N, C-alpha and C. Protein backbone atom coordinates (compact mmCIF):
# COMPACT_ATOMS: atom_id res chain seq x y z
N MET A 1 240.88 -14.18 123.22
CA MET A 1 240.33 -14.99 122.15
C MET A 1 239.01 -14.37 121.69
N THR A 2 238.90 -14.15 120.42
CA THR A 2 237.70 -13.58 119.83
C THR A 2 236.91 -14.68 119.15
N SER A 3 235.61 -14.71 119.41
CA SER A 3 234.78 -15.71 118.74
C SER A 3 233.90 -15.00 117.72
N GLU A 4 233.65 -15.71 116.64
CA GLU A 4 232.81 -15.17 115.57
C GLU A 4 231.52 -15.97 115.53
N ILE A 5 230.46 -15.29 115.16
CA ILE A 5 229.16 -15.94 115.02
C ILE A 5 228.81 -15.94 113.54
N TYR A 6 228.46 -17.12 113.04
CA TYR A 6 228.14 -17.28 111.62
C TYR A 6 226.67 -17.63 111.47
N GLU A 7 226.13 -17.29 110.32
CA GLU A 7 224.73 -17.58 110.04
C GLU A 7 224.50 -19.09 109.92
N ASN A 8 225.47 -19.81 109.35
CA ASN A 8 225.35 -21.26 109.23
C ASN A 8 226.74 -21.88 109.18
N VAL A 9 226.78 -23.17 109.22
CA VAL A 9 228.06 -23.89 109.27
C VAL A 9 228.90 -23.67 108.02
N TRP A 10 228.24 -23.52 106.86
CA TRP A 10 228.99 -23.36 105.62
C TRP A 10 229.73 -22.03 105.60
N ASP A 11 229.13 -21.00 106.16
CA ASP A 11 229.82 -19.71 106.25
C ASP A 11 231.06 -19.83 107.14
N ALA A 12 230.97 -20.66 108.17
CA ALA A 12 232.10 -20.85 109.08
C ALA A 12 233.22 -21.65 108.43
N LEU A 13 232.86 -22.61 107.60
CA LEU A 13 233.86 -23.49 107.00
C LEU A 13 234.52 -22.93 105.75
N ALA A 14 233.78 -22.12 105.03
CA ALA A 14 234.28 -21.61 103.74
C ALA A 14 235.19 -20.41 103.92
N ASP A 15 236.12 -20.28 103.00
CA ASP A 15 237.04 -19.13 103.01
C ASP A 15 236.43 -17.90 102.36
N THR A 16 235.48 -18.11 101.45
CA THR A 16 234.88 -17.00 100.73
C THR A 16 233.36 -17.15 100.71
N GLU A 17 232.67 -16.04 100.41
CA GLU A 17 231.21 -16.09 100.27
C GLU A 17 230.81 -17.01 99.13
N GLN A 18 231.60 -17.00 98.07
CA GLN A 18 231.29 -17.83 96.90
C GLN A 18 231.38 -19.31 97.24
N GLU A 19 232.41 -19.67 97.97
CA GLU A 19 232.56 -21.07 98.37
C GLU A 19 231.43 -21.48 99.31
N ALA A 20 231.03 -20.61 100.22
CA ALA A 20 229.93 -20.91 101.14
C ALA A 20 228.63 -21.11 100.36
N ALA A 21 228.38 -20.26 99.37
CA ALA A 21 227.17 -20.39 98.56
C ALA A 21 227.15 -21.72 97.82
N ASN A 22 228.30 -22.12 97.27
CA ASN A 22 228.41 -23.38 96.56
C ASN A 22 228.15 -24.55 97.51
N LEU A 23 228.73 -24.51 98.69
CA LEU A 23 228.52 -25.57 99.68
C LEU A 23 227.06 -25.68 100.10
N LYS A 24 226.41 -24.55 100.29
CA LYS A 24 225.00 -24.55 100.69
C LYS A 24 224.14 -25.22 99.62
N LEU A 25 224.35 -24.83 98.37
CA LEU A 25 223.55 -25.42 97.29
C LEU A 25 223.82 -26.91 97.13
N ARG A 26 225.10 -27.28 97.16
CA ARG A 26 225.45 -28.69 97.02
C ARG A 26 224.86 -29.52 98.16
N SER A 27 224.95 -29.02 99.38
CA SER A 27 224.44 -29.79 100.52
C SER A 27 222.92 -29.94 100.44
N SER A 28 222.22 -28.89 100.00
CA SER A 28 220.76 -28.98 99.86
C SER A 28 220.38 -30.02 98.81
N LEU A 29 221.06 -29.98 97.68
CA LEU A 29 220.79 -30.96 96.62
C LEU A 29 221.08 -32.38 97.09
N LEU A 30 222.23 -32.57 97.71
CA LEU A 30 222.62 -33.90 98.18
C LEU A 30 221.60 -34.44 99.18
N TYR A 31 221.17 -33.59 100.09
CA TYR A 31 220.19 -33.99 101.10
C TYR A 31 218.88 -34.46 100.45
N GLU A 32 218.38 -33.68 99.50
CA GLU A 32 217.12 -34.03 98.85
C GLU A 32 217.25 -35.29 98.00
N ILE A 33 218.35 -35.43 97.30
CA ILE A 33 218.57 -36.63 96.50
C ILE A 33 218.62 -37.86 97.40
N ARG A 34 219.36 -37.77 98.49
CA ARG A 34 219.46 -38.90 99.42
C ARG A 34 218.09 -39.30 99.96
N LYS A 35 217.25 -38.32 100.29
CA LYS A 35 215.90 -38.62 100.80
C LYS A 35 215.10 -39.42 99.78
N VAL A 36 215.17 -38.98 98.52
CA VAL A 36 214.41 -39.67 97.47
C VAL A 36 214.94 -41.09 97.28
N VAL A 37 216.24 -41.23 97.18
CA VAL A 37 216.84 -42.55 96.95
C VAL A 37 216.54 -43.49 98.12
N GLN A 38 216.65 -43.01 99.32
CA GLN A 38 216.34 -43.85 100.48
C GLN A 38 214.86 -44.26 100.49
N GLY A 39 214.00 -43.38 99.97
CA GLY A 39 212.58 -43.69 99.87
C GLY A 39 212.26 -44.77 98.84
N TRP A 40 213.15 -44.97 97.91
CA TRP A 40 212.96 -46.03 96.92
C TRP A 40 213.03 -47.40 97.57
N ASN A 41 213.77 -47.50 98.65
CA ASN A 41 213.90 -48.77 99.37
C ASN A 41 214.43 -49.88 98.46
N VAL A 42 215.50 -49.55 97.73
CA VAL A 42 216.13 -50.51 96.83
C VAL A 42 217.61 -50.65 97.21
N SER A 43 218.26 -51.64 96.63
CA SER A 43 219.69 -51.83 96.88
C SER A 43 220.50 -50.69 96.27
N GLN A 44 221.74 -50.57 96.71
CA GLN A 44 222.62 -49.55 96.13
C GLN A 44 222.84 -49.80 94.65
N ASP A 45 222.92 -51.06 94.28
CA ASP A 45 223.09 -51.37 92.85
C ASP A 45 221.91 -50.87 92.03
N GLU A 46 220.70 -51.11 92.52
CA GLU A 46 219.51 -50.66 91.80
C GLU A 46 219.43 -49.13 91.80
N ALA A 47 219.74 -48.51 92.92
CA ALA A 47 219.73 -47.04 92.99
C ALA A 47 220.74 -46.47 92.00
N GLY A 48 221.92 -47.08 91.94
CA GLY A 48 222.95 -46.63 91.00
C GLY A 48 222.49 -46.73 89.56
N LYS A 49 221.80 -47.82 89.23
CA LYS A 49 221.27 -47.99 87.87
C LYS A 49 220.28 -46.89 87.55
N ARG A 50 219.39 -46.59 88.49
CA ARG A 50 218.38 -45.56 88.26
C ARG A 50 219.02 -44.18 88.08
N LEU A 51 220.12 -43.96 88.78
CA LEU A 51 220.78 -42.66 88.75
C LEU A 51 221.89 -42.56 87.71
N GLY A 52 222.25 -43.70 87.12
CA GLY A 52 223.35 -43.71 86.15
C GLY A 52 224.71 -43.57 86.81
N LEU A 53 224.84 -44.12 88.02
CA LEU A 53 226.08 -44.03 88.79
C LEU A 53 226.67 -45.41 89.04
N THR A 54 227.97 -45.45 89.23
CA THR A 54 228.62 -46.69 89.64
C THR A 54 228.27 -46.96 91.10
N ARG A 55 228.52 -48.18 91.54
CA ARG A 55 228.24 -48.50 92.94
C ARG A 55 229.07 -47.66 93.91
N PRO A 56 230.38 -47.47 93.67
CA PRO A 56 231.15 -46.62 94.59
C PRO A 56 230.63 -45.18 94.63
N ARG A 57 230.22 -44.68 93.47
CA ARG A 57 229.70 -43.30 93.42
C ARG A 57 228.35 -43.22 94.14
N THR A 58 227.54 -44.25 94.00
CA THR A 58 226.26 -44.30 94.71
C THR A 58 226.50 -44.36 96.21
N ASN A 59 227.48 -45.15 96.62
CA ASN A 59 227.83 -45.25 98.03
C ASN A 59 228.27 -43.89 98.58
N ASP A 60 229.08 -43.16 97.83
CA ASP A 60 229.50 -41.82 98.24
C ASP A 60 228.30 -40.90 98.41
N LEU A 61 227.37 -40.99 97.49
CA LEU A 61 226.16 -40.18 97.54
C LEU A 61 225.35 -40.48 98.79
N LEU A 62 225.11 -41.76 99.03
CA LEU A 62 224.27 -42.16 100.16
C LEU A 62 224.95 -41.93 101.51
N ARG A 63 226.26 -41.86 101.52
CA ARG A 63 226.99 -41.55 102.74
C ARG A 63 227.17 -40.04 102.94
N GLY A 64 226.68 -39.26 101.98
CA GLY A 64 226.72 -37.81 102.11
C GLY A 64 228.09 -37.19 101.94
N LYS A 65 228.92 -37.80 101.12
CA LYS A 65 230.27 -37.29 100.90
C LYS A 65 230.24 -36.10 99.94
N LEU A 66 229.90 -34.96 100.48
CA LEU A 66 229.68 -33.75 99.71
C LEU A 66 230.89 -33.34 98.87
N ALA A 67 232.08 -33.51 99.40
CA ALA A 67 233.29 -33.08 98.70
C ALA A 67 233.51 -33.83 97.39
N LYS A 68 232.86 -34.97 97.23
CA LYS A 68 233.06 -35.78 96.03
C LYS A 68 232.14 -35.39 94.88
N PHE A 69 231.25 -34.41 95.10
CA PHE A 69 230.26 -34.06 94.08
C PHE A 69 230.28 -32.56 93.80
N SER A 70 230.35 -32.24 92.52
CA SER A 70 230.24 -30.84 92.10
C SER A 70 228.76 -30.47 92.04
N LEU A 71 228.50 -29.19 91.98
CA LEU A 71 227.14 -28.71 91.85
C LEU A 71 226.52 -29.23 90.55
N ASP A 72 227.30 -29.21 89.50
CA ASP A 72 226.85 -29.69 88.19
C ASP A 72 226.47 -31.18 88.26
N ALA A 73 227.32 -31.97 88.89
CA ALA A 73 227.05 -33.41 89.01
C ALA A 73 225.77 -33.65 89.80
N LEU A 74 225.57 -32.91 90.87
CA LEU A 74 224.38 -33.10 91.70
C LEU A 74 223.10 -32.69 90.97
N VAL A 75 223.18 -31.67 90.14
CA VAL A 75 222.01 -31.30 89.32
C VAL A 75 221.67 -32.44 88.37
N ASN A 76 222.66 -33.02 87.75
CA ASN A 76 222.43 -34.14 86.84
C ASN A 76 221.87 -35.35 87.57
N ILE A 77 222.38 -35.64 88.75
CA ILE A 77 221.88 -36.77 89.53
C ILE A 77 220.43 -36.51 89.96
N ALA A 78 220.14 -35.29 90.37
CA ALA A 78 218.77 -34.94 90.77
C ALA A 78 217.81 -35.15 89.60
N ALA A 79 218.21 -34.75 88.42
CA ALA A 79 217.37 -34.96 87.24
C ALA A 79 217.15 -36.44 86.98
N SER A 80 218.20 -37.25 87.17
CA SER A 80 218.07 -38.70 87.00
C SER A 80 217.13 -39.31 88.04
N ALA A 81 217.02 -38.64 89.19
CA ALA A 81 216.12 -39.11 90.25
C ALA A 81 214.71 -38.55 90.05
N HIS A 82 214.50 -37.88 88.91
CA HIS A 82 213.21 -37.28 88.56
C HIS A 82 212.81 -36.18 89.53
N LEU A 83 213.80 -35.43 89.98
CA LEU A 83 213.54 -34.26 90.81
C LEU A 83 213.59 -33.02 89.92
N HIS A 84 212.71 -32.10 90.18
CA HIS A 84 212.71 -30.82 89.47
C HIS A 84 213.62 -29.88 90.25
N VAL A 85 214.67 -29.42 89.62
CA VAL A 85 215.63 -28.52 90.28
C VAL A 85 215.31 -27.09 89.87
N GLU A 86 215.17 -26.25 90.88
CA GLU A 86 214.86 -24.85 90.64
C GLU A 86 215.73 -24.00 91.53
N LEU A 87 216.22 -22.91 91.00
CA LEU A 87 217.10 -22.02 91.75
C LEU A 87 216.37 -20.70 91.99
N THR A 88 216.34 -20.29 93.23
CA THR A 88 215.74 -19.01 93.59
C THR A 88 216.82 -18.11 94.12
N LEU A 89 216.92 -16.93 93.54
CA LEU A 89 217.93 -15.97 93.98
C LEU A 89 217.24 -14.81 94.67
N LYS A 90 217.87 -14.32 95.73
CA LYS A 90 217.38 -13.12 96.39
C LYS A 90 218.57 -12.33 96.89
N GLU A 91 218.37 -11.06 97.01
CA GLU A 91 219.46 -10.19 97.43
C GLU A 91 219.82 -10.49 98.89
N ALA A 92 221.12 -10.56 99.14
CA ALA A 92 221.59 -10.83 100.49
C ALA A 92 221.25 -9.67 101.41
N ALA A 93 220.99 -10.01 102.63
CA ALA A 93 220.63 -8.98 103.63
C ALA A 93 221.84 -8.20 104.06
């Protein structure tokens, strides 16, 4: 049995480098959005109103259901949460 060592969990789960990159970005965005929303200390209904989301969609967000959100959707939600989204690119090692 051969074991492989990965830089992070997304590299282990993804089939391609592109998919891993997408998962990394989405998970980072989701994590930061969740932190902000939880800091509001409001109900899910109120959080959903602030973010322009339905209650089920807000619930998915707060439960960290990454598969339910595209990168594009998370950027839009982050903007609704008044977060400044910035992308930094660097050459892979």
